[in-house]
Amino acid sequence: MGQLRPDQILNKAYRQVAIKTEDFNHFKEAIRVLLSAISDGQREETQKEHLRNFLCNTFYKPYYMAPEEDIDLAVRLDKTSKSNIGLLIEVKSTTNKNEMISVDNLNKKALQELLLYYLRERVSKKNTDIK
């Protein structure tokens, strides 16, 4: 299987949705802040906090987001820590290339951990909200 481009896998309806200029500018500024805050010498925990701040300031402001057991960042479906997890994020330091997936190799610790956490949520905890 070859590498797919975003336009080959994303639903075409997403391209029909207009993005407000102010929202796009807010996103560009937030990503600029994120990229300027992260550097290769930082610990994974520091970089995870920068990523969390970025997500809270952009897409996930109305959601509770925090580490959960072994999960680096769990995004809940509302503002409470009691709601179901809807999104899992596995973070690796920018210098930890041995454990992070790449275009050439998906079989890395980061993806293996993410799949384990997903299956725990979906099967063991019967969380059908996680997709």
C-alpha atoms as a PDB file:
ATOM      1  CA  MET A   1       0.000   0.000   0.000  1.00  0.00           C
ATOM      2  CA  GLY A   2       1.429   3.359  -1.005  1.00  0.00           C
ATOM      3  CA  GLN A   3       1.375   6.581   0.943  1.00  0.00           C
ATOM      4  CA  LEU A   4      -1.931   8.451   0.659  1.00  0.00           C
ATOM      5  CA  ARG A   5      -2.390  12.210   0.400  1.00  0.00           C
ATOM      6  CA  PRO A   6      -4.936  14.024   2.621  1.00  0.00           C
ATOM      7  CA  ASP A   7      -7.212  14.714  -0.369  1.00  0.00           C
ATOM      8  CA  GLN A   8      -7.388  10.948  -0.982  1.00  0.00           C
ATOM      9  CA  ILE A   9      -8.605  10.027   2.491  1.00  0.00           C
ATOM     10  CA  LEU A  10     -10.536  13.011   3.872  1.00  0.00           C
ATOM     11  CA  ASN A  11     -14.231  13.315   3.155  1.00  0.00           C
ATOM     12  CA  LYS A  12     -14.783  15.847   0.362  1.00  0.00           C
ATOM     13  CA  ALA A  13     -17.460  17.562   2.481  1.00  0.00           C
ATOM     14  CA  TYR A  14     -14.698  18.959   4.707  1.00  0.00           C
ATOM     15  CA  ARG A  15     -13.389  20.997   1.784  1.00  0.00           C
ATOM     16  CA  GLN A  16     -16.810  22.628   1.422  1.00  0.00           C
ATOM     17  CA  VAL A  17     -16.733  24.087   4.946  1.00  0.00           C
ATOM     18  CA  ALA A  18     -15.586  27.693   4.973  1.00  0.00           C
ATOM     19  CA  ILE A  19     -13.080  28.710   7.624  1.00  0.00           C
ATOM     20  CA  LYS A  20     -13.458  32.174   9.107  1.00  0.00           C
ATOM     21  CA  THR A  21     -10.393  34.337   8.545  1.00  0.00           C
ATOM     22  CA  GLU A  22     -10.170  35.209  12.244  1.00  0.00           C
ATOM     23  CA  ASP A  23     -10.292  31.505  13.197  1.00  0.00           C
ATOM     24  CA  PHE A  24      -7.570  30.686  10.695  1.00  0.00           C
ATOM     25  CA  ASN A  25      -5.404  33.575  11.930  1.00  0.00           C
ATOM     26  CA  HIS A  26      -5.934  32.448  15.539  1.00  0.00           C
ATOM     27  CA  PHE A  27      -4.839  28.931  14.568  1.00  0.00           C
ATOM     28  CA  LYS A  28      -1.755  30.229  12.728  1.00  0.00           C
ATOM     29  CA  GLU A  29      -0.721  32.276  15.762  1.00  0.00           C
ATOM     30  CA  ALA A  30      -1.302  29.340  18.128  1.00  0.00           C
ATOM     31  CA  ILE A  31       0.786  26.997  15.976  1.00  0.00           C
ATOM     32  CA  ARG A  32       3.526  29.628  15.751  1.00  0.00           C
ATOM     33  CA  VAL A  33       3.570  29.849  19.565  1.00  0.00           C
ATOM     34  CA  LEU A  34       3.670  26.039  19.844  1.00  0.00           C
ATOM     35  CA  LEU A  35       6.538  25.657  17.390  1.00  0.00           C
ATOM     36  CA  SER A  36       8.544  28.436  19.039  1.00  0.00           C
ATOM     37  CA  ALA A  37       7.989  26.909  22.504  1.00  0.00           C
ATOM     38  CA  ILE A  38       9.208  23.411  21.595  1.00  0.00           C
ATOM     39  CA  SER A  39      12.894  22.675  21.244  1.00  0.00           C
ATOM     40  CA  ASP A  40      14.807  19.419  20.924  1.00  0.00           C
ATOM     41  CA  GLY A  41      16.500  19.716  24.315  1.00  0.00           C
ATOM     42  CA  GLN A  42      13.244  19.739  26.263  1.00  0.00           C
ATOM     43  CA  ARG A  43      11.876  16.816  28.231  1.00  0.00           C
ATOM     44  CA  GLU A  44       8.835  14.979  26.908  1.00  0.00           C
ATOM     45  CA  GLU A  45       6.703  16.286  29.792  1.00  0.00           C
ATOM     46  CA  THR A  46       7.541  19.885  28.878  1.00  0.00           C
ATOM     47  CA  GLN A  47       6.703  19.317  25.227  1.00  0.00           C
ATOM     48  CA  LYS A  48       3.470  17.577  26.240  1.00  0.00           C
ATOM     49  CA  GLU A  49       2.469  20.668  28.230  1.00  0.00           C
ATOM     50  CA  HIS A  50       3.155  22.904  25.218  1.00  0.00           C
ATOM     51  CA  LEU A  51       0.973  20.622  23.072  1.00  0.00           C
ATOM     52  CA  ARG A  52      -1.782  20.644  25.696  1.00  0.00           C
ATOM     53  CA  ASN A  53      -1.720  24.449  25.802  1.00  0.00           C
ATOM     54  CA  PHE A  54      -1.960  24.592  22.005  1.00  0.00           C
ATOM     55  CA  LEU A  55      -4.937  22.230  21.937  1.00  0.00           C
ATOM     56  CA  CYS A  56      -6.686  24.092  24.762  1.00  0.00           C
ATOM     57  CA  ASN A  57      -6.206  27.384  22.911  1.00  0.00           C
ATOM     58  CA  THR A  58      -7.501  26.061  19.600  1.00  0.00           C
ATOM     59  CA  PHE A  59      -9.687  23.015  19.044  1.00  0.00           C
ATOM     60  CA  TYR A  60     -10.333  21.593  22.504  1.00  0.00           C
ATOM     61  CA  LYS A  61     -11.050  24.564  24.757  1.00  0.00           C
ATOM     62  CA  PRO A  62     -14.478  23.268  25.880  1.00  0.00           C
ATOM     63  CA  TYR A  63     -13.125  19.847  26.871  1.00  0.00           C
ATOM     64  CA  TYR A  64     -11.348  18.441  29.913  1.00  0.00           C
ATOM     65  CA  MET A  65      -7.840  17.381  28.940  1.00  0.00           C
ATOM     66  CA  ALA A  66      -5.272  15.750  31.216  1.00  0.00           C
ATOM     67  CA  PRO A  67      -3.038  12.703  31.578  1.00  0.00           C
ATOM     68  CA  GLU A  68      -4.985   9.593  32.595  1.00  0.00           C
ATOM     69  CA  GLU A  69      -3.243   6.524  34.011  1.00  0.00           C
ATOM     70  CA  ASP A  70      -0.668   5.679  31.291  1.00  0.00           C
ATOM     71  CA  ILE A  71      -2.304   7.916  28.656  1.00  0.00           C
ATOM     72  CA  ASP A  72      -0.247  11.044  27.932  1.00  0.00           C
ATOM     73  CA  LEU A  73      -3.291  13.198  27.129  1.00  0.00           C
ATOM     74  CA  ALA A  74      -6.901  12.087  27.358  1.00  0.00           C
ATOM     75  CA  VAL A  75      -9.507  14.472  25.989  1.00  0.00           C
ATOM     76  CA  ARG A  76     -12.894  13.980  27.608  1.00  0.00           C
ATOM     77  CA  LEU A  77     -16.210  14.665  25.905  1.00  0.00           C
ATOM     78  CA  ASP A  78     -17.046  17.667  28.081  1.00  0.00           C
ATOM     79  CA  LYS A  79     -15.498  19.875  30.764  1.00  0.00           C
ATOM     80  CA  THR A  80     -15.612  17.248  33.508  1.00  0.00           C
ATOM     81  CA  SER A  81     -13.144  14.564  34.460  1.00  0.00           C
ATOM     82  CA  LYS A  82     -16.019  12.076  34.816  1.00  0.00           C
ATOM     83  CA  SER A  83     -17.160  12.060  31.178  1.00  0.00           C
ATOM     84  CA  ASN A  84     -15.941   9.439  28.734  1.00  0.00           C
ATOM     85  CA  ILE A  85     -12.634   9.809  26.945  1.00  0.00           C
ATOM     86  CA  GLY A  86     -13.156  10.731  23.309  1.00  0.00           C
ATOM     87  CA  LEU A  87      -9.570  11.212  22.152  1.00  0.00           C
ATOM     88  CA  LEU A  88      -6.202   9.701  23.094  1.00  0.00           C
ATOM     89  CA  ILE A  89      -2.887  11.414  22.427  1.00  0.00           C
ATOM     90  CA  GLU A  90       0.482   9.693  22.811  1.00  0.00           C
ATOM     91  CA  VAL A  91       3.368  12.150  23.068  1.00  0.00           C
ATOM     92  CA  LYS A  92       7.035  11.477  22.428  1.00  0.00           C
ATOM     93  CA  SER A  93       9.858  13.998  22.684  1.00  0.00           C
ATOM     94  CA  THR A  94      10.982  15.462  19.375  1.00  0.00           C
ATOM     95  CA  THR A  95      14.342  13.770  19.936  1.00  0.00           C
ATOM     96  CA  ASN A  96      12.820  10.340  20.624  1.00  0.00           C
ATOM     97  CA  LYS A  97      12.712   9.176  17.021  1.00  0.00           C
ATOM     98  CA  ASN A  98      13.219   5.513  18.018  1.00  0.00           C
ATOM     99  CA  GLU A  99       9.741   5.315  19.590  1.00  0.00           C
ATOM    100  CA  MET A 100       7.742   7.558  17.230  1.00  0.00           C
ATOM    101  CA  ILE A 101       6.146   6.393  14.005  1.00  0.00           C
ATOM    102  CA  SER A 102       7.409   7.594  10.655  1.00  0.00           C
ATOM    103  CA  VAL A 103       6.192   7.374   7.079  1.00  0.00           C
ATOM    104  CA  ASP A 104       8.436   4.360   6.588  1.00  0.00           C
ATOM    105  CA  ASN A 105       7.726   2.559   9.880  1.00  0.00           C
ATOM    106  CA  LEU A 106       4.420   2.556  11.760  1.00  0.00           C
ATOM    107  CA  ASN A 107       5.449  -0.327  14.041  1.00  0.00           C
ATOM    108  CA  LYS A 108       6.851   1.782  16.864  1.00  0.00           C
ATOM    109  CA  LYS A 109       6.228   2.031  20.599  1.00  0.00           C
ATOM    110  CA  ALA A 110       4.098   5.191  20.287  1.00  0.00           C
ATOM    111  CA  LEU A 111       1.514   3.503  18.060  1.00  0.00           C
ATOM    112  CA  GLN A 112       1.636   0.250  20.033  1.00  0.00           C
ATOM    113  CA  GLU A 113       0.897   2.155  23.263  1.00  0.00           C
ATOM    114  CA  LEU A 114      -1.879   4.130  21.604  1.00  0.00           C
ATOM    115  CA  LEU A 115      -3.533   0.935  20.354  1.00  0.00           C
ATOM    116  CA  LEU A 116      -3.251  -0.645  23.805  1.00  0.00           C
ATOM    117  CA  TYR A 117      -4.871   2.380  25.485  1.00  0.00           C
ATOM    118  CA  TYR A 118      -7.597   2.474  22.831  1.00  0.00           C
ATOM    119  CA  LEU A 119      -8.424  -1.212  23.350  1.00  0.00           C
ATOM    120  CA  ARG A 120      -8.479  -0.769  27.134  1.00  0.00           C
ATOM    121  CA  GLU A 121     -10.976   2.066  26.734  1.00  0.00           C
ATOM    122  CA  ARG A 122     -13.105   0.435  24.055  1.00  0.00           C
ATOM    123  CA  VAL A 123     -13.112  -3.191  25.227  1.00  0.00           C
ATOM    124  CA  SER A 124     -12.288  -3.285  28.947  1.00  0.00           C
ATOM    125  CA  LYS A 125     -14.067  -0.060  29.940  1.00  0.00           C
ATOM    126  CA  LYS A 126     -16.774  -0.421  27.259  1.00  0.00           C
ATOM    127  CA  ASN A 127     -16.298   3.186  26.130  1.00  0.00           C
ATOM    128  CA  THR A 128     -18.123   3.291  22.799  1.00  0.00           C
ATOM    129  CA  ASP A 129     -17.688   7.077  22.585  1.00  0.00           C
ATOM    130  CA  ILE A 130     -14.024   6.723  21.667  1.00  0.00           C
ATOM    131  CA  LYS A 131     -13.562   6.454  17.921  1.00  0.00           C
END
